[in-house]
Amino acid sequence: MPAKEADQEFVEYIVKQLVTSPEKVETTRKIDELGVLVELVVDREDMGVVIGKEGKTAKAIRTLLRVMGARNDARINLKIVEPDGEYKKAEQGNDNNTEKEVEDEIETEPKEEEKKDEAPMADLEL
């Protein structure tokens, strides 16, 4: 395993102090024509803490990385990798349904609550 660079260690150190599962924090470092890309993977429950309200925590970490890169004449970017979500798991769970079953689920009758909501609208004249 190659030695970790200072920017990669810096991100890991900061994020491990914030999260509840520091053992699940992983970083990878890639270099391309745009500069250095540090990819961060954290536990699903810790995503909110790492991103912060309105993305402020993630923005602060990116700002610190930009400063670190400026000191070394490099452009450093941070990408927070989204863990496999429930959406993907739900899609995989529906593989057993046939196309007809899926169509039947889509074309079900509206619930009585929805029917009640439509009735007052029918009384309106245009």
N, C-alpha and C. Protein backbone atom coordinates (compact mmCIF):
# COMPACT_ATOMS: atom_id res chain seq x y z
N MET A 1 0.85 -1.18 0.00
CA MET A 1 0.00 0.00 0.00
C MET A 1 0.89 1.24 0.00
N PRO A 2 0.68 2.16 -0.94
CA PRO A 2 1.52 3.34 -1.01
C PRO A 2 1.29 4.26 0.19
N ALA A 3 2.33 5.03 0.50
CA ALA A 3 2.23 5.97 1.61
C ALA A 3 1.22 7.06 1.29
N LYS A 4 0.52 7.51 2.30
CA LYS A 4 -0.49 8.55 2.09
C LYS A 4 0.18 9.91 2.06
N GLU A 5 -0.31 10.75 1.18
CA GLU A 5 0.19 12.12 1.06
C GLU A 5 -0.37 12.97 2.20
N ALA A 6 0.23 14.13 2.40
CA ALA A 6 -0.16 15.02 3.49
C ALA A 6 -1.62 15.47 3.36
N ASP A 7 -2.06 15.77 2.14
CA ASP A 7 -3.44 16.22 1.96
C ASP A 7 -4.44 15.13 2.28
N GLN A 8 -4.12 13.91 1.92
CA GLN A 8 -4.98 12.78 2.19
C GLN A 8 -5.06 12.51 3.70
N GLU A 9 -3.92 12.55 4.37
CA GLU A 9 -3.89 12.35 5.82
C GLU A 9 -4.65 13.48 6.54
N PHE A 10 -4.53 14.69 6.02
CA PHE A 10 -5.21 15.85 6.59
C PHE A 10 -6.73 15.66 6.57
N VAL A 11 -7.26 15.24 5.42
CA VAL A 11 -8.70 15.01 5.29
C VAL A 11 -9.15 13.90 6.25
N GLU A 12 -8.40 12.81 6.28
CA GLU A 12 -8.75 11.71 7.17
C GLU A 12 -8.76 12.16 8.63
N TYR A 13 -7.77 12.91 9.03
CA TYR A 13 -7.68 13.36 10.42
C TYR A 13 -8.88 14.22 10.79
N ILE A 14 -9.21 15.19 9.96
CA ILE A 14 -10.33 16.08 10.26
C ILE A 14 -11.64 15.30 10.32
N VAL A 15 -11.89 14.47 9.32
CA VAL A 15 -13.16 13.75 9.24
C VAL A 15 -13.30 12.74 10.37
N LYS A 16 -12.23 12.07 10.74
CA LYS A 16 -12.29 11.09 11.82
C LYS A 16 -12.65 11.75 13.15
N GLN A 17 -12.32 13.03 13.32
CA GLN A 17 -12.68 13.74 14.53
C GLN A 17 -14.17 14.08 14.56
N LEU A 18 -14.81 14.13 13.40
CA LEU A 18 -16.21 14.53 13.31
C LEU A 18 -17.20 13.37 13.39
N VAL A 19 -16.84 12.23 12.84
CA VAL A 19 -17.78 11.13 12.65
C VAL A 19 -17.89 10.22 13.86
N THR A 20 -18.96 9.41 13.87
CA THR A 20 -19.14 8.44 14.96
C THR A 20 -18.49 7.09 14.65
N SER A 21 -18.18 6.84 13.38
CA SER A 21 -17.52 5.59 12.97
C SER A 21 -16.21 5.91 12.25
N PRO A 22 -15.17 6.32 12.99
CA PRO A 22 -13.93 6.71 12.32
C PRO A 22 -13.22 5.56 11.60
N GLU A 23 -13.51 4.33 12.01
CA GLU A 23 -12.87 3.18 11.35
C GLU A 23 -13.38 2.98 9.93
N LYS A 24 -14.51 3.58 9.58
CA LYS A 24 -15.08 3.43 8.24
C LYS A 24 -14.69 4.58 7.30
N VAL A 25 -13.85 5.49 7.76
CA VAL A 25 -13.41 6.61 6.93
C VAL A 25 -12.29 6.12 6.01
N GLU A 26 -12.47 6.34 4.72
CA GLU A 26 -11.46 5.94 3.73
C GLU A 26 -11.24 7.09 2.76
N THR A 27 -9.99 7.24 2.32
CA THR A 27 -9.70 8.24 1.30
C THR A 27 -8.86 7.61 0.21
N THR A 28 -9.05 8.12 -1.00
CA THR A 28 -8.18 7.75 -2.11
C THR A 28 -7.72 9.05 -2.76
N ARG A 29 -6.58 8.99 -3.40
CA ARG A 29 -5.99 10.19 -4.00
C ARG A 29 -5.69 9.90 -5.46
N LYS A 30 -6.17 10.79 -6.33
CA LYS A 30 -5.93 10.65 -7.76
C LYS A 30 -5.35 11.96 -8.29
N ILE A 31 -4.46 11.84 -9.25
CA ILE A 31 -3.88 13.02 -9.89
C ILE A 31 -4.27 12.99 -11.36
N ASP A 32 -4.81 14.11 -11.85
CA ASP A 32 -5.13 14.23 -13.27
C ASP A 32 -4.76 15.62 -13.74
N GLU A 33 -5.21 15.98 -14.96
CA GLU A 33 -4.83 17.27 -15.53
C GLU A 33 -5.42 18.45 -14.77
N LEU A 34 -6.47 18.22 -13.99
CA LEU A 34 -7.09 19.31 -13.21
C LEU A 34 -6.45 19.49 -11.85
N GLY A 35 -5.62 18.57 -11.43
CA GLY A 35 -4.97 18.66 -10.13
C GLY A 35 -5.13 17.37 -9.35
N VAL A 36 -5.22 17.51 -8.04
CA VAL A 36 -5.33 16.36 -7.15
C VAL A 36 -6.79 16.23 -6.72
N LEU A 37 -7.29 15.01 -6.75
CA LEU A 37 -8.65 14.73 -6.29
C LEU A 37 -8.56 13.76 -5.12
N VAL A 38 -9.06 14.20 -3.97
CA VAL A 38 -9.12 13.34 -2.79
C VAL A 38 -10.58 12.90 -2.66
N GLU A 39 -10.80 11.59 -2.76
CA GLU A 39 -12.15 11.04 -2.62
C GLU A 39 -12.33 10.53 -1.20
N LEU A 40 -13.44 10.91 -0.59
CA LEU A 40 -13.73 10.56 0.80
C LEU A 40 -14.94 9.65 0.86
N VAL A 41 -14.80 8.54 1.58
CA VAL A 41 -15.91 7.61 1.80
C VAL A 41 -16.11 7.49 3.30
N VAL A 42 -17.35 7.72 3.75
CA VAL A 42 -17.69 7.58 5.17
C VAL A 42 -18.92 6.70 5.32
N ASP A 43 -19.21 6.32 6.54
CA ASP A 43 -20.39 5.52 6.83
C ASP A 43 -21.65 6.32 6.49
N ARG A 44 -22.69 5.62 6.10
CA ARG A 44 -23.94 6.25 5.69
C ARG A 44 -24.49 7.18 6.77
N GLU A 45 -24.43 6.78 8.03
CA GLU A 45 -24.97 7.59 9.13
C GLU A 45 -24.15 8.86 9.36
N ASP A 46 -22.92 8.89 8.90
CA ASP A 46 -22.04 10.04 9.12
C ASP A 46 -22.05 11.05 7.98
N MET A 47 -22.77 10.76 6.91
CA MET A 47 -22.78 11.68 5.76
C MET A 47 -23.26 13.07 6.14
N GLY A 48 -24.30 13.15 6.94
CA GLY A 48 -24.85 14.44 7.33
C GLY A 48 -23.86 15.27 8.12
N VAL A 49 -23.09 14.63 8.98
CA VAL A 49 -22.10 15.35 9.78
C VAL A 49 -20.98 15.88 8.90
N VAL A 50 -20.53 15.07 7.96
CA VAL A 50 -19.43 15.47 7.09
C VAL A 50 -19.86 16.61 6.15
N ILE A 51 -21.07 16.54 5.64
CA ILE A 51 -21.55 17.59 4.75
C ILE A 51 -21.92 18.84 5.54
N GLY A 52 -22.61 18.66 6.67
CA GLY A 52 -22.98 19.79 7.51
C GLY A 52 -24.22 20.50 6.99
N LYS A 53 -24.72 21.44 7.80
CA LYS A 53 -25.89 22.21 7.40
C LYS A 53 -25.54 23.07 6.20
N GLU A 54 -26.37 22.94 5.16
CA GLU A 54 -26.18 23.67 3.91
C GLU A 54 -24.80 23.45 3.30
N GLY A 55 -24.15 22.32 3.63
CA GLY A 55 -22.85 22.00 3.06
C GLY A 55 -21.69 22.78 3.64
N LYS A 56 -21.91 23.42 4.78
CA LYS A 56 -20.88 24.30 5.34
C LYS A 56 -19.64 23.54 5.81
N THR A 57 -19.82 22.36 6.40
CA THR A 57 -18.66 21.60 6.86
C THR A 57 -17.81 21.14 5.68
N ALA A 58 -18.47 20.60 4.65
CA ALA A 58 -17.74 20.15 3.46
C ALA A 58 -17.03 21.33 2.80
N LYS A 59 -17.69 22.47 2.75
CA LYS A 59 -17.10 23.66 2.14
C LYS A 59 -15.87 24.11 2.93
N ALA A 60 -15.94 24.03 4.25
CA ALA A 60 -14.80 24.41 5.09
C ALA A 60 -13.61 23.49 4.86
N ILE A 61 -13.88 22.19 4.75
CA ILE A 61 -12.79 21.24 4.49
C ILE A 61 -12.18 21.52 3.13
N ARG A 62 -13.01 21.80 2.13
CA ARG A 62 -12.51 22.12 0.79
C ARG A 62 -11.67 23.40 0.80
N THR A 63 -12.10 24.38 1.58
CA THR A 63 -11.34 25.63 1.68
C THR A 63 -9.97 25.38 2.28
N LEU A 64 -9.92 24.58 3.34
CA LEU A 64 -8.63 24.26 3.96
C LEU A 64 -7.74 23.50 2.99
N LEU A 65 -8.32 22.61 2.20
CA LEU A 65 -7.52 21.89 1.20
C LEU A 65 -6.99 22.83 0.13
N ARG A 66 -7.81 23.80 -0.26
CA ARG A 66 -7.37 24.78 -1.26
C ARG A 66 -6.17 25.58 -0.74
N VAL A 67 -6.23 25.95 0.53
CA VAL A 67 -5.11 26.68 1.15
C VAL A 67 -3.87 25.80 1.17
N MET A 68 -4.06 24.55 1.56
CA MET A 68 -2.94 23.61 1.59
C MET A 68 -2.34 23.43 0.20
N GLY A 69 -3.19 23.35 -0.81
CA GLY A 69 -2.71 23.22 -2.18
C GLY A 69 -1.99 24.46 -2.67
N ALA A 70 -2.49 25.64 -2.28
CA ALA A 70 -1.85 26.89 -2.71
C ALA A 70 -0.44 26.98 -2.15
N ARG A 71 -0.23 26.50 -0.97
CA ARG A 71 1.11 26.52 -0.37
C ARG A 71 2.07 25.61 -1.12
N ASN A 72 1.52 24.58 -1.78
CA ASN A 72 2.35 23.62 -2.51
C ASN A 72 2.22 23.76 -4.02
N ASP A 73 1.64 24.86 -4.49
CA ASP A 73 1.42 25.09 -5.92
C ASP A 73 0.67 23.94 -6.58
N ALA A 74 -0.40 23.51 -5.93
CA ALA A 74 -1.23 22.43 -6.47
C ALA A 74 -2.69 22.77 -6.25
N ARG A 75 -3.53 22.20 -7.07
CA ARG A 75 -4.97 22.38 -6.90
C ARG A 75 -5.52 21.08 -6.33
N ILE A 76 -6.11 21.17 -5.13
CA ILE A 76 -6.62 19.98 -4.45
C ILE A 76 -8.13 20.11 -4.33
N ASN A 77 -8.83 19.08 -4.78
CA ASN A 77 -10.29 19.04 -4.70
C ASN A 77 -10.72 17.87 -3.83
N LEU A 78 -11.88 18.02 -3.20
CA LEU A 78 -12.43 16.96 -2.36
C LEU A 78 -13.75 16.49 -2.96
N LYS A 79 -13.88 15.18 -3.09
CA LYS A 79 -15.13 14.58 -3.55
C LYS A 79 -15.62 13.66 -2.45
N ILE A 80 -16.83 13.91 -1.98
CA ILE A 80 -17.43 13.05 -0.97
C ILE A 80 -18.27 12.02 -1.71
N VAL A 81 -17.85 10.77 -1.63
CA VAL A 81 -18.49 9.69 -2.37
C VAL A 81 -19.72 9.24 -1.60
N GLU A 82 -20.85 9.24 -2.30
CA GLU A 82 -22.11 8.83 -1.69
C GLU A 82 -22.13 7.32 -1.54
N PRO A 83 -22.40 6.82 -0.34
CA PRO A 83 -22.46 5.36 -0.17
C PRO A 83 -23.66 4.79 -0.91
N ASP A 84 -23.63 3.49 -1.18
CA ASP A 84 -24.76 2.85 -1.86
C ASP A 84 -26.01 3.12 -1.05
N GLY A 85 -26.98 3.72 -1.71
CA GLY A 85 -28.18 4.15 -1.02
C GLY A 85 -29.28 3.12 -1.01
N GLU A 86 -30.34 3.44 -0.28
CA GLU A 86 -31.51 2.58 -0.21
C GLU A 86 -32.19 2.47 -1.57
N TYR A 87 -32.06 3.54 -2.39
CA TYR A 87 -32.69 3.54 -3.70
C TYR A 87 -32.18 2.38 -4.55
N LYS A 88 -30.87 2.18 -4.54
CA LYS A 88 -30.30 1.09 -5.33
C LYS A 88 -30.75 -0.25 -4.78
N LYS A 89 -30.83 -0.37 -3.46
CA LYS A 89 -31.28 -1.63 -2.86
C LYS A 89 -32.73 -1.89 -3.23
N ALA A 90 -33.55 -0.85 -3.25
CA ALA A 90 -34.95 -1.01 -3.61
C ALA A 90 -35.08 -1.47 -5.05
N GLU A 91 -34.26 -0.92 -5.94
CA GLU A 91 -34.29 -1.33 -7.34
C GLU A 91 -33.95 -2.80 -7.48
N GLN A 92 -32.94 -3.24 -6.73
CA GLN A 92 -32.54 -4.64 -6.81
C GLN A 92 -33.63 -5.55 -6.26
N GLY A 93 -34.35 -5.10 -5.25
CA GLY A 93 -35.43 -5.89 -4.67
C GLY A 93 -36.59 -6.05 -5.61
N ASN A 94 -36.80 -5.12 -6.54
CA ASN A 94 -37.91 -5.18 -7.48
C ASN A 94 -37.62 -6.03 -8.70
N ASP A 95 -36.44 -6.62 -8.79
CA ASP A 95 -36.08 -7.42 -9.96
C ASP A 95 -36.99 -8.63 -10.10
N ASN A 96 -37.60 -9.09 -9.02
CA ASN A 96 -38.47 -10.27 -9.07
C ASN A 96 -39.82 -9.95 -9.67
N ASN A 97 -40.21 -8.69 -9.69
CA ASN A 97 -41.50 -8.30 -10.26
C ASN A 97 -41.44 -8.40 -11.78
N THR A 98 -42.51 -8.89 -12.34
CA THR A 98 -42.58 -8.90 -13.79
C THR A 98 -43.01 -7.52 -14.26
N GLU A 99 -42.86 -7.26 -15.52
CA GLU A 99 -43.23 -5.96 -16.08
C GLU A 99 -44.72 -5.69 -15.87
N LYS A 100 -45.54 -6.73 -15.99
CA LYS A 100 -46.99 -6.60 -15.81
C LYS A 100 -47.32 -6.20 -14.38
N GLU A 101 -46.63 -6.80 -13.39
CA GLU A 101 -46.88 -6.47 -11.99
C GLU A 101 -46.53 -5.01 -11.72
N VAL A 102 -45.45 -4.52 -12.29
CA VAL A 102 -45.05 -3.14 -12.11
C VAL A 102 -46.09 -2.21 -12.72
N GLU A 103 -46.60 -2.53 -13.92
CA GLU A 103 -47.63 -1.72 -14.55
C GLU A 103 -48.89 -1.70 -13.69
N ASP A 104 -49.26 -2.87 -13.11
CA ASP A 104 -50.44 -2.94 -12.26
C ASP A 104 -50.28 -2.05 -11.04
N GLU A 105 -49.08 -2.00 -10.46
CA GLU A 105 -48.83 -1.15 -9.30
C GLU A 105 -48.98 0.32 -9.67
N ILE A 106 -48.57 0.68 -10.85
CA ILE A 106 -48.63 2.08 -11.28
C ILE A 106 -50.07 2.50 -11.55
N GLU A 107 -50.87 1.60 -12.13
CA GLU A 107 -52.22 1.93 -12.56
C GLU A 107 -53.29 1.63 -11.51
N THR A 108 -52.94 1.58 -10.24
CA THR A 108 -53.93 1.31 -9.20
C THR A 108 -54.87 2.48 -9.05
N GLU A 109 -56.06 2.21 -8.54
CA GLU A 109 -57.07 3.24 -8.32
C GLU A 109 -56.57 4.21 -7.24
N PRO A 110 -56.94 5.49 -7.35
CA PRO A 110 -56.54 6.44 -6.32
C PRO A 110 -57.22 6.10 -5.00
N LYS A 111 -56.55 6.42 -3.91
CA LYS A 111 -57.09 6.16 -2.58
C LYS A 111 -58.30 7.06 -2.36
N GLU A 112 -59.14 6.69 -1.39
CA GLU A 112 -60.35 7.47 -1.12
C GLU A 112 -60.01 8.89 -0.72
N GLU A 113 -58.88 9.08 -0.01
CA GLU A 113 -58.46 10.43 0.36
C GLU A 113 -58.23 11.28 -0.88
N GLU A 114 -57.61 10.69 -1.89
CA GLU A 114 -57.34 11.41 -3.13
C GLU A 114 -58.64 11.73 -3.85
N LYS A 115 -59.61 10.81 -3.81
CA LYS A 115 -60.90 11.05 -4.44
C LYS A 115 -61.61 12.21 -3.75
N LYS A 116 -61.53 12.29 -2.42
CA LYS A 116 -62.16 13.37 -1.68
C LYS A 116 -61.56 14.72 -2.06
N ASP A 117 -60.23 14.73 -2.28
CA ASP A 117 -59.55 15.97 -2.65
C ASP A 117 -60.00 16.45 -4.03
N GLU A 118 -60.34 15.54 -4.93
CA GLU A 118 -60.72 15.91 -6.28
C GLU A 118 -62.15 16.47 -6.34
N ALA A 119 -63.04 16.06 -5.43
CA ALA A 119 -64.43 16.46 -5.46
C ALA A 119 -64.63 17.98 -5.36
N PRO A 120 -63.99 18.69 -4.44
CA PRO A 120 -64.20 20.14 -4.36
C PRO A 120 -63.73 20.86 -5.62
N MET A 121 -62.78 20.35 -6.30
CA MET A 121 -62.27 20.98 -7.51
C MET A 121 -63.28 20.88 -8.65
N ALA A 122 -64.11 19.83 -8.64
CA ALA A 122 -65.09 19.65 -9.70
C ALA A 122 -66.17 20.73 -9.65
N ASP A 123 -66.41 21.31 -8.48
CA ASP A 123 -67.45 22.32 -8.31
C ASP A 123 -67.04 23.68 -8.89
N LEU A 124 -65.79 23.90 -9.07
CA LEU A 124 -65.32 25.20 -9.55
C LEU A 124 -65.66 25.41 -11.03
N GLU A 125 -66.09 26.60 -11.36
CA GLU A 125 -66.37 26.92 -12.75
C GLU A 125 -65.24 27.76 -13.31
N LEU A 126 -64.92 27.55 -14.53
CA LEU A 126 -63.85 28.32 -15.16
C LEU A 126 -64.39 29.43 -15.99
